[in-house]
Amino acid sequence: MVTHDPETLINAVVCAVIAIRLLTFRRDGGAHVQWAAWLAYCLILATGSVTIRIAMGTYEGTTDPAELFINAVLCVMVLRAKGNVVQLFKVRRGSDA
């Protein structure tokens, strides 16, 4: 790894966690949702490529704090949804709605 920038290293870890969690998602008998499968596939490619490019030293520049924040929020959301991309788009309704 060429970079010693802490934000970039944290970004690599966050993106790796996202990609690994999405890769290890199991439907357990749930219905297959085509758009969610494609979205998960694209997210795995995008976040995985960031991790690989940082590890290989081909990541251009340093990580912007806003980029790191967005990736961290996405990571928390993916972990809370247990890797289920459909859950990221479900809206919970309050009892007074």
PDB file of N, CA and C in Angstrom:
ATOM      1  N   MET A   1       0.844  -1.166   0.000  1.00  0.00           N
ATOM      2  CA  MET A   1       0.000   0.000   0.000  1.00  0.00           C
ATOM      3  C   MET A   1       0.893   1.234   0.000  1.00  0.00           C
ATOM      4  N   VAL A   2       0.681   2.124  -0.938  1.00  0.00           N
ATOM      5  CA  VAL A   2       1.543   3.278  -1.117  1.00  0.00           C
ATOM      6  C   VAL A   2       1.144   4.434  -0.212  1.00  0.00           C
ATOM      7  N   THR A   3      -0.141   4.634   0.003  1.00  0.00           N
ATOM      8  CA  THR A   3      -0.615   5.795   0.734  1.00  0.00           C
ATOM      9  C   THR A   3      -0.474   5.619   2.246  1.00  0.00           C
ATOM     10  N   HIS A   4      -0.239   6.731   2.920  1.00  0.00           N
ATOM     11  CA  HIS A   4      -0.198   6.737   4.376  1.00  0.00           C
ATOM     12  C   HIS A   4      -1.237   7.719   4.915  1.00  0.00           C
ATOM     13  N   ASP A   5      -2.120   8.179   4.042  1.00  0.00           N
ATOM     14  CA  ASP A   5      -3.185   9.098   4.421  1.00  0.00           C
ATOM     15  C   ASP A   5      -4.243   8.324   5.216  1.00  0.00           C
ATOM     16  N   PRO A   6      -4.502   8.709   6.476  1.00  0.00           N
ATOM     17  CA  PRO A   6      -5.455   7.944   7.290  1.00  0.00           C
ATOM     18  C   PRO A   6      -6.868   7.912   6.709  1.00  0.00           C
ATOM     19  N   GLU A   7      -7.317   9.017   6.110  1.00  0.00           N
ATOM     20  CA  GLU A   7      -8.659   9.031   5.528  1.00  0.00           C
ATOM     21  C   GLU A   7      -8.782   8.033   4.386  1.00  0.00           C
ATOM     22  N   THR A   8      -7.752   7.927   3.573  1.00  0.00           N
ATOM     23  CA  THR A   8      -7.777   6.989   2.457  1.00  0.00           C
ATOM     24  C   THR A   8      -7.759   5.553   2.952  1.00  0.00           C
ATOM     25  N   LEU A   9      -6.968   5.273   3.968  1.00  0.00           N
ATOM     26  CA  LEU A   9      -6.928   3.930   4.530  1.00  0.00           C
ATOM     27  C   LEU A   9      -8.261   3.554   5.173  1.00  0.00           C
ATOM     28  N   ILE A  10      -8.878   4.490   5.880  1.00  0.00           N
ATOM     29  CA  ILE A  10     -10.196   4.245   6.478  1.00  0.00           C
ATOM     30  C   ILE A  10     -11.225   4.013   5.376  1.00  0.00           C
ATOM     31  N   ASN A  11     -11.143   4.787   4.302  1.00  0.00           N
ATOM     32  CA  ASN A  11     -12.059   4.626   3.178  1.00  0.00           C
ATOM     33  C   ASN A  11     -11.920   3.233   2.567  1.00  0.00           C
ATOM     34  N   ALA A  12     -10.696   2.735   2.463  1.00  0.00           N
ATOM     35  CA  ALA A  12     -10.475   1.391   1.919  1.00  0.00           C
ATOM     36  C   ALA A  12     -11.140   0.337   2.797  1.00  0.00           C
ATOM     37  N   VAL A  13     -11.016   0.481   4.094  1.00  0.00           N
ATOM     38  CA  VAL A  13     -11.626  -0.479   5.020  1.00  0.00           C
ATOM     39  C   VAL A  13     -13.147  -0.409   4.956  1.00  0.00           C
ATOM     40  N   VAL A  14     -13.682   0.805   4.943  1.00  0.00           N
ATOM     41  CA  VAL A  14     -15.136   0.986   4.878  1.00  0.00           C
ATOM     42  C   VAL A  14     -15.692   0.374   3.592  1.00  0.00           C
ATOM     43  N   CYS A  15     -15.038   0.644   2.473  1.00  0.00           N
ATOM     44  CA  CYS A  15     -15.495   0.089   1.193  1.00  0.00           C
ATOM     45  C   CYS A  15     -15.369  -1.434   1.171  1.00  0.00           C
ATOM     46  N   ALA A  16     -14.333  -1.961   1.790  1.00  0.00           N
ATOM     47  CA  ALA A  16     -14.170  -3.418   1.863  1.00  0.00           C
ATOM     48  C   ALA A  16     -15.294  -4.045   2.684  1.00  0.00           C
ATOM     49  N   VAL A  17     -15.655  -3.413   3.786  1.00  0.00           N
ATOM     50  CA  VAL A  17     -16.738  -3.932   4.624  1.00  0.00           C
ATOM     51  C   VAL A  17     -18.054  -3.944   3.846  1.00  0.00           C
ATOM     52  N   ILE A  18     -18.321  -2.881   3.103  1.00  0.00           N
ATOM     53  CA  ILE A  18     -19.546  -2.831   2.290  1.00  0.00           C
ATOM     54  C   ILE A  18     -19.554  -3.973   1.285  1.00  0.00           C
ATOM     55  N   ALA A  19     -18.475  -4.119   0.527  1.00  0.00           N
ATOM     56  CA  ALA A  19     -18.416  -5.146  -0.515  1.00  0.00           C
ATOM     57  C   ALA A  19     -18.542  -6.544   0.080  1.00  0.00           C
ATOM     58  N   ILE A  20     -17.853  -6.808   1.174  1.00  0.00           N
ATOM     59  CA  ILE A  20     -17.903  -8.147   1.787  1.00  0.00           C
ATOM     60  C   ILE A  20     -19.300  -8.450   2.321  1.00  0.00           C
ATOM     61  N   ARG A  21     -19.929  -7.461   2.958  1.00  0.00           N
ATOM     62  CA  ARG A  21     -21.281  -7.707   3.498  1.00  0.00           C
ATOM     63  C   ARG A  21     -22.275  -7.968   2.386  1.00  0.00           C
ATOM     64  N   LEU A  22     -22.176  -7.225   1.293  1.00  0.00           N
ATOM     65  CA  LEU A  22     -23.076  -7.459   0.161  1.00  0.00           C
ATOM     66  C   LEU A  22     -22.805  -8.815  -0.489  1.00  0.00           C
ATOM     67  N   LEU A  23     -21.542  -9.197  -0.564  1.00  0.00           N
ATOM     68  CA  LEU A  23     -21.189 -10.492  -1.146  1.00  0.00           C
ATOM     69  C   LEU A  23     -21.691 -11.659  -0.303  1.00  0.00           C
ATOM     70  N   THR A  24     -21.786 -11.487   0.986  1.00  0.00           N
ATOM     71  CA  THR A  24     -22.178 -12.587   1.870  1.00  0.00           C
ATOM     72  C   THR A  24     -23.673 -12.597   2.183  1.00  0.00           C
ATOM     73  N   PHE A  25     -24.456 -11.769   1.525  1.00  0.00           N
ATOM     74  CA  PHE A  25     -25.908 -11.747   1.750  1.00  0.00           C
ATOM     75  C   PHE A  25     -26.542 -13.039   1.259  1.00  0.00           C
ATOM     76  N   ARG A  26     -27.455 -13.586   2.071  1.00  0.00           N
ATOM     77  CA  ARG A  26     -28.222 -14.783   1.695  1.00  0.00           C
ATOM     78  C   ARG A  26     -29.708 -14.443   1.762  1.00  0.00           C
ATOM     79  N   ARG A  27     -30.436 -14.853   0.724  1.00  0.00           N
ATOM     80  CA  ARG A  27     -31.873 -14.570   0.669  1.00  0.00           C
ATOM     81  C   ARG A  27     -32.670 -15.427   1.648  1.00  0.00           C
ATOM     82  N   ASP A  28     -32.215 -16.623   1.941  1.00  0.00           N
ATOM     83  CA  ASP A  28     -32.916 -17.547   2.837  1.00  0.00           C
ATOM     84  C   ASP A  28     -34.386 -17.727   2.449  1.00  0.00           C
ATOM     85  N   GLY A  29     -34.610 -18.032   1.182  1.00  0.00           N
ATOM     86  CA  GLY A  29     -35.966 -18.304   0.713  1.00  0.00           C
ATOM     87  C   GLY A  29     -36.748 -17.085   0.297  1.00  0.00           C
ATOM     88  N   GLY A  30     -36.191 -15.905   0.460  1.00  0.00           N
ATOM     89  CA  GLY A  30     -36.881 -14.685   0.050  1.00  0.00           C
ATOM     90  C   GLY A  30     -36.953 -14.577  -1.467  1.00  0.00           C
ATOM     91  N   ALA A  31     -37.862 -13.761  -1.932  1.00  0.00           N
ATOM     92  CA  ALA A  31     -38.044 -13.582  -3.370  1.00  0.00           C
ATOM     93  C   ALA A  31     -36.845 -12.875  -3.984  1.00  0.00           C
ATOM     94  N   HIS A  32     -36.523 -13.268  -5.210  1.00  0.00           N
ATOM     95  CA  HIS A  32     -35.427 -12.613  -5.935  1.00  0.00           C
ATOM     96  C   HIS A  32     -35.955 -11.317  -6.543  1.00  0.00           C
ATOM     97  N   VAL A  33     -35.273 -10.233  -6.281  1.00  0.00           N
ATOM     98  CA  VAL A  33     -35.664  -8.927  -6.822  1.00  0.00           C
ATOM     99  C   VAL A  33     -34.561  -8.495  -7.782  1.00  0.00           C
ATOM    100  N   GLN A  34     -34.918  -8.451  -9.072  1.00  0.00           N
ATOM    101  CA  GLN A  34     -33.925  -8.225 -10.122  1.00  0.00           C
ATOM    102  C   GLN A  34     -33.186  -6.895  -9.972  1.00  0.00           C
ATOM    103  N   TRP A  35     -33.922  -5.804  -9.735  1.00  0.00           N
ATOM    104  CA  TRP A  35     -33.261  -4.496  -9.640  1.00  0.00           C
ATOM    105  C   TRP A  35     -32.316  -4.435  -8.439  1.00  0.00           C
ATOM    106  N   ALA A  36     -32.696  -5.101  -7.344  1.00  0.00           N
ATOM    107  CA  ALA A  36     -31.857  -5.101  -6.147  1.00  0.00           C
ATOM    108  C   ALA A  36     -30.586  -5.907  -6.383  1.00  0.00           C
ATOM    109  N   ALA A  37     -30.717  -7.000  -7.127  1.00  0.00           N
ATOM    110  CA  ALA A  37     -29.540  -7.813  -7.438  1.00  0.00           C
ATOM    111  C   ALA A  37     -28.548  -7.009  -8.274  1.00  0.00           C
ATOM    112  N   TRP A  38     -29.048  -6.286  -9.255  1.00  0.00           N
ATOM    113  CA  TRP A  38     -28.167  -5.462 -10.089  1.00  0.00           C
ATOM    114  C   TRP A  38     -27.548  -4.317  -9.292  1.00  0.00           C
ATOM    115  N   LEU A  39     -28.343  -3.709  -8.418  1.00  0.00           N
ATOM    116  CA  LEU A  39     -27.817  -2.626  -7.581  1.00  0.00           C
ATOM    117  C   LEU A  39     -26.728  -3.147  -6.648  1.00  0.00           C
ATOM    118  N   ALA A  40     -26.972  -4.299  -6.033  1.00  0.00           N
ATOM    119  CA  ALA A  40     -25.970  -4.899  -5.153  1.00  0.00           C
ATOM    120  C   ALA A  40     -24.702  -5.223  -5.935  1.00  0.00           C
ATOM    121  N   TYR A  41     -24.868  -5.762  -7.139  1.00  0.00           N
ATOM    122  CA  TYR A  41     -23.724  -6.094  -7.990  1.00  0.00           C
ATOM    123  C   TYR A  41     -22.898  -4.841  -8.299  1.00  0.00           C
ATOM    124  N   CYS A  42     -23.565  -3.760  -8.664  1.00  0.00           N
ATOM    125  CA  CYS A  42     -22.865  -2.508  -8.981  1.00  0.00           C
ATOM    126  C   CYS A  42     -22.181  -1.925  -7.743  1.00  0.00           C
ATOM    127  N   LEU A  43     -22.830  -2.015  -6.590  1.00  0.00           N
ATOM    128  CA  LEU A  43     -22.219  -1.524  -5.353  1.00  0.00           C
ATOM    129  C   LEU A  43     -20.994  -2.351  -4.976  1.00  0.00           C
ATOM    130  N   ILE A  44     -21.074  -3.665  -5.191  1.00  0.00           N
ATOM    131  CA  ILE A  44     -19.921  -4.533  -4.917  1.00  0.00           C
ATOM    132  C   ILE A  44     -18.760  -4.159  -5.828  1.00  0.00           C
ATOM    133  N   LEU A  45     -19.051  -3.959  -7.111  1.00  0.00           N
ATOM    134  CA  LEU A  45     -17.990  -3.570  -8.047  1.00  0.00           C
ATOM    135  C   LEU A  45     -17.379  -2.219  -7.679  1.00  0.00           C
ATOM    136  N   ALA A  46     -18.226  -1.248  -7.361  1.00  0.00           N
ATOM    137  CA  ALA A  46     -17.740   0.101  -7.061  1.00  0.00           C
ATOM    138  C   ALA A  46     -16.913   0.128  -5.778  1.00  0.00           C
ATOM    139  N   THR A  47     -17.457  -0.438  -4.711  1.00  0.00           N
ATOM    140  CA  THR A  47     -16.736  -0.384  -3.443  1.00  0.00           C
ATOM    141  C   THR A  47     -15.524  -1.309  -3.439  1.00  0.00           C
ATOM    142  N   GLY A  48     -15.650  -2.439  -4.099  1.00  0.00           N
ATOM    143  CA  GLY A  48     -14.514  -3.344  -4.210  1.00  0.00           C
ATOM    144  C   GLY A  48     -13.378  -2.741  -5.008  1.00  0.00           C
ATOM    145  N   SER A  49     -13.734  -2.010  -6.072  1.00  0.00           N
ATOM    146  CA  SER A  49     -12.682  -1.401  -6.893  1.00  0.00           C
ATOM    147  C   SER A  49     -11.949  -0.304  -6.139  1.00  0.00           C
ATOM    148  N   VAL A  50     -12.662   0.433  -5.285  1.00  0.00           N
ATOM    149  CA  VAL A  50     -11.998   1.458  -4.471  1.00  0.00           C
ATOM    150  C   VAL A  50     -10.975   0.801  -3.553  1.00  0.00           C
ATOM    151  N   THR A  51     -11.381  -0.276  -2.906  1.00  0.00           N
ATOM    152  CA  THR A  51     -10.477  -0.990  -1.996  1.00  0.00           C
ATOM    153  C   THR A  51      -9.257  -1.529  -2.740  1.00  0.00           C
ATOM    154  N   ILE A  52      -9.487  -2.136  -3.886  1.00  0.00           N
ATOM    155  CA  ILE A  52      -8.380  -2.710  -4.668  1.00  0.00           C
ATOM    156  C   ILE A  52      -7.451  -1.621  -5.180  1.00  0.00           C
ATOM    157  N   ARG A  53      -8.028  -0.505  -5.680  1.00  0.00           N
ATOM    158  CA  ARG A  53      -7.181   0.574  -6.194  1.00  0.00           C
ATOM    159  C   ARG A  53      -6.346   1.209  -5.096  1.00  0.00           C
ATOM    160  N   ILE A  54      -6.911   1.349  -3.898  1.00  0.00           N
ATOM    161  CA  ILE A  54      -6.131   1.894  -2.785  1.00  0.00           C
ATOM    162  C   ILE A  54      -5.020   0.925  -2.408  1.00  0.00           C
ATOM    163  N   ALA A  55      -5.341  -0.361  -2.352  1.00  0.00           N
ATOM    164  CA  ALA A  55      -4.342  -1.372  -1.992  1.00  0.00           C
ATOM    165  C   ALA A  55      -3.223  -1.460  -3.024  1.00  0.00           C
ATOM    166  N   MET A  56      -3.550  -1.255  -4.298  1.00  0.00           N
ATOM    167  CA  MET A  56      -2.551  -1.346  -5.367  1.00  0.00           C
ATOM    168  C   MET A  56      -1.788  -0.042  -5.577  1.00  0.00           C
ATOM    169  N   GLY A  57      -2.253   1.033  -4.938  1.00  0.00           N
ATOM    170  CA  GLY A  57      -1.570   2.319  -5.077  1.00  0.00           C
ATOM    171  C   GLY A  57      -1.955   3.098  -6.311  1.00  0.00           C
ATOM    172  N   THR A  58      -3.062   2.730  -6.958  1.00  0.00           N
ATOM    173  CA  THR A  58      -3.494   3.440  -8.170  1.00  0.00           C
ATOM    174  C   THR A  58      -4.657   4.392  -7.905  1.00  0.00           C
ATOM    175  N   TYR A  59      -5.044   4.567  -6.650  1.00  0.00           N
ATOM    176  CA  TYR A  59      -6.129   5.480  -6.283  1.00  0.00           C
ATOM    177  C   TYR A  59      -5.619   6.901  -6.447  1.00  0.00           C
ATOM    178  N   GLU A  60      -6.285   7.697  -7.251  1.00  0.00           N
ATOM    179  CA  GLU A  60      -5.840   9.060  -7.546  1.00  0.00           C
ATOM    180  C   GLU A  60      -6.153  10.021  -6.400  1.00  0.00           C
ATOM    181  N   GLY A  61      -5.155  10.727  -5.936  1.00  0.00           N
ATOM    182  CA  GLY A  61      -5.344  11.758  -4.910  1.00  0.00           C
ATOM    183  C   GLY A  61      -5.623  11.179  -3.543  1.00  0.00           C
ATOM    184  N   THR A  62      -6.237  12.013  -2.709  1.00  0.00           N
ATOM    185  CA  THR A  62      -6.600  11.591  -1.359  1.00  0.00           C
ATOM    186  C   THR A  62      -8.119  11.534  -1.262  1.00  0.00           C
ATOM    187  N   THR A  63      -8.600  10.880  -0.240  1.00  0.00           N
ATOM    188  CA  THR A  63     -10.037  10.765  -0.029  1.00  0.00           C
ATOM    189  C   THR A  63     -10.573  12.062   0.544  1.00  0.00           C
ATOM    190  N   ASP A  64     -11.633  12.549  -0.065  1.00  0.00           N
ATOM    191  CA  ASP A  64     -12.309  13.743   0.426  1.00  0.00           C
ATOM    192  C   ASP A  64     -13.101  13.361   1.683  1.00  0.00           C
ATOM    193  N   PRO A  65     -13.138  14.212   2.710  1.00  0.00           N
ATOM    194  CA  PRO A  65     -13.908  13.888   3.913  1.00  0.00           C
ATOM    195  C   PRO A  65     -15.390  13.628   3.624  1.00  0.00           C
ATOM    196  N   ALA A  66     -15.951  14.329   2.655  1.00  0.00           N
ATOM    197  CA  ALA A  66     -17.358  14.106   2.298  1.00  0.00           C
ATOM    198  C   ALA A  66     -17.548  12.713   1.694  1.00  0.00           C
ATOM    199  N   GLU A  67     -16.602  12.277   0.871  1.00  0.00           N
ATOM    200  CA  GLU A  67     -16.653  10.934   0.293  1.00  0.00           C
ATOM    201  C   GLU A  67     -16.584   9.875   1.384  1.00  0.00           C
ATOM    202  N   LEU A  68     -15.701  10.084   2.336  1.00  0.00           N
ATOM    203  CA  LEU A  68     -15.562   9.153   3.453  1.00  0.00           C
ATOM    204  C   LEU A  68     -16.844   9.107   4.273  1.00  0.00           C
ATOM    205  N   PHE A  69     -17.462  10.257   4.505  1.00  0.00           N
ATOM    206  CA  PHE A  69     -18.717  10.311   5.259  1.00  0.00           C
ATOM    207  C   PHE A  69     -19.821   9.555   4.537  1.00  0.00           C
ATOM    208  N   ILE A  70     -19.950   9.779   3.229  1.00  0.00           N
ATOM    209  CA  ILE A  70     -20.973   9.084   2.436  1.00  0.00           C
ATOM    210  C   ILE A  70     -20.758   7.576   2.487  1.00  0.00           C
ATOM    211  N   ASN A  71     -19.518   7.146   2.319  1.00  0.00           N
ATOM    212  CA  ASN A  71     -19.220   5.714   2.355  1.00  0.00           C
ATOM    213  C   ASN A  71     -19.479   5.125   3.741  1.00  0.00           C
ATOM    214  N   ALA A  72     -19.172   5.875   4.786  1.00  0.00           N
ATOM    215  CA  ALA A  72     -19.409   5.390   6.147  1.00  0.00           C
ATOM    216  C   ALA A  72     -20.905   5.244   6.419  1.00  0.00           C
ATOM    217  N   VAL A  73     -21.695   6.206   5.973  1.00  0.00           N
ATOM    218  CA  VAL A  73     -23.152   6.129   6.144  1.00  0.00           C
ATOM    219  C   VAL A  73     -23.703   4.934   5.363  1.00  0.00           C
ATOM    220  N   LEU A  74     -23.245   4.753   4.133  1.00  0.00           N
ATOM    221  CA  LEU A  74     -23.676   3.603   3.342  1.00  0.00           C
ATOM    222  C   LEU A  74     -23.282   2.302   4.031  1.00  0.00           C
ATOM    223  N   CYS A  75     -22.105   2.263   4.608  1.00  0.00           N
ATOM    224  CA  CYS A  75     -21.640   1.071   5.315  1.00  0.00           C
ATOM    225  C   CYS A  75     -22.553   0.745   6.495  1.00  0.00           C
ATOM    226  N   VAL A  76     -22.892   1.741   7.278  1.00  0.00           N
ATOM    227  CA  VAL A  76     -23.782   1.528   8.426  1.00  0.00           C
ATOM    228  C   VAL A  76     -25.149   1.044   7.947  1.00  0.00           C
ATOM    229  N   MET A  77     -25.658   1.648   6.871  1.00  0.00           N
ATOM    230  CA  MET A  77     -26.959   1.243   6.344  1.00  0.00           C
ATOM    231  C   MET A  77     -26.938  -0.193   5.841  1.00  0.00           C
ATOM    232  N   VAL A  78     -25.890  -0.575   5.130  1.00  0.00           N
ATOM    233  CA  VAL A  78     -25.779  -1.937   4.606  1.00  0.00           C
ATOM    234  C   VAL A  78     -25.649  -2.935   5.753  1.00  0.00           C
ATOM    235  N   LEU A  79     -24.881  -2.600   6.776  1.00  0.00           N
ATOM    236  CA  LEU A  79     -24.738  -3.493   7.921  1.00  0.00           C
ATOM    237  C   LEU A  79     -26.059  -3.639   8.683  1.00  0.00           C
ATOM    238  N   ARG A  80     -26.789  -2.549   8.858  1.00  0.00           N
ATOM    239  CA  ARG A  80     -28.081  -2.610   9.552  1.00  0.00           C
ATOM    240  C   ARG A  80     -29.099  -3.413   8.765  1.00  0.00           C
ATOM    241  N   ALA A  81     -29.018  -3.345   7.425  1.00  0.00           N
ATOM    242  CA  ALA A  81     -29.938  -4.104   6.572  1.00  0.00           C
ATOM    243  C   ALA A  81     -29.451  -5.533   6.354  1.00  0.00           C
ATOM    244  N   LYS A  82     -28.337  -5.891   6.971  1.00  0.00           N
ATOM    245  CA  LYS A  82     -27.741  -7.226   6.857  1.00  0.00           C
ATOM    246  C   LYS A  82     -27.437  -7.600   5.412  1.00  0.00           C
ATOM    247  N   GLY A  83     -27.076  -6.583   4.615  1.00  0.00           N
ATOM    248  CA  GLY A  83     -26.697  -6.808   3.227  1.00  0.00           C
ATOM    249  C   GLY A  83     -27.862  -6.849   2.262  1.00  0.00           C
ATOM    250  N   ASN A  84     -29.079  -6.662   2.756  1.00  0.00           N
ATOM    251  CA  ASN A  84     -30.269  -6.696   1.907  1.00  0.00           C
ATOM    252  C   ASN A  84     -30.514  -5.310   1.316  1.00  0.00           C
ATOM    253  N   VAL A  85     -30.214  -5.161   0.046  1.00  0.00           N
ATOM    254  CA  VAL A  85     -30.319  -3.858  -0.613  1.00  0.00           C
ATOM    255  C   VAL A  85     -31.762  -3.366  -0.644  1.00  0.00           C
ATOM    256  N   VAL A  86     -32.731  -4.266  -0.747  1.00  0.00           N
ATOM    257  CA  VAL A  86     -34.137  -3.865  -0.758  1.00  0.00           C
ATOM    258  C   VAL A  86     -34.495  -3.140   0.537  1.00  0.00           C
ATOM    259  N   GLN A  87     -33.925  -3.578   1.646  1.00  0.00           N
ATOM    260  CA  GLN A  87     -34.214  -2.948   2.938  1.00  0.00           C
ATOM    261  C   GLN A  87     -33.747  -1.499   2.998  1.00  0.00           C
ATOM    262  N   LEU A  88     -32.783  -1.138   2.169  1.00  0.00           N
ATOM    263  CA  LEU A  88     -32.304   0.245   2.156  1.00  0.00           C
ATOM    264  C   LEU A  88     -33.377   1.209   1.654  1.00  0.00           C
ATOM    265  N   PHE A  89     -34.335   0.694   0.888  1.00  0.00           N
ATOM    266  CA  PHE A  89     -35.350   1.544   0.275  1.00  0.00           C
ATOM    267  C   PHE A  89     -36.726   1.396   0.903  1.00  0.00           C
ATOM    268  N   LYS A  90     -36.869   0.547   1.911  1.00  0.00           N
ATOM    269  CA  LYS A  90     -38.153   0.393   2.586  1.00  0.00           C
ATOM    270  C   LYS A  90     -38.387   1.564   3.518  1.00  0.00           C
ATOM    271  N   VAL A  91     -39.609   2.063   3.527  1.00  0.00           N
ATOM    272  CA  VAL A  91     -39.980   3.192   4.367  1.00  0.00           C
ATOM    273  C   VAL A  91     -40.829   2.669   5.515  1.00  0.00           C
ATOM    274  N   ARG A  92     -40.417   2.989   6.729  1.00  0.00           N
ATOM    275  CA  ARG A  92     -41.210   2.590   7.888  1.00  0.00           C
ATOM    276  C   ARG A  92     -42.244   3.666   8.168  1.00  0.00           C
ATOM    277  N   ARG A  93     -43.443   3.242   8.412  1.00  0.00           N
ATOM    278  CA  ARG A  93     -44.533   4.173   8.713  1.00  0.00           C
ATOM    279  C   ARG A  93     -44.743   4.212  10.217  1.00  0.00           C
ATOM    280  N   GLY A  94     -44.941   5.406  10.738  1.00  0.00           N
ATOM    281  CA  GLY A  94     -45.224   5.554  12.161  1.00  0.00           C
ATOM    282  C   GLY A  94     -46.622   5.094  12.502  1.00  0.00           C
ATOM    283  N   SER A  95     -46.904   4.929  13.772  1.00  0.00           N
ATOM    284  CA  SER A  95     -48.213   4.458  14.204  1.00  0.00           C
ATOM    285  C   SER A  95     -49.287   5.531  14.033  1.00  0.00           C
ATOM    286  N   ASP A  96     -48.861   6.801  13.908  1.00  0.00           N
ATOM    287  CA  ASP A  96     -49.825   7.887  13.754  1.00  0.00           C
ATOM    288  C   ASP A  96     -50.059   8.264  12.294  1.00  0.00           C
ATOM    289  N   ALA A  97     -49.541   7.512  11.371  1.00  0.00           N
ATOM    290  CA  ALA A  97     -49.683   7.858   9.949  1.00  0.00           C
ATOM    291  C   ALA A  97     -50.978   7.423   9.390  1.00  0.00           C
TER     292      ALA A  97
END
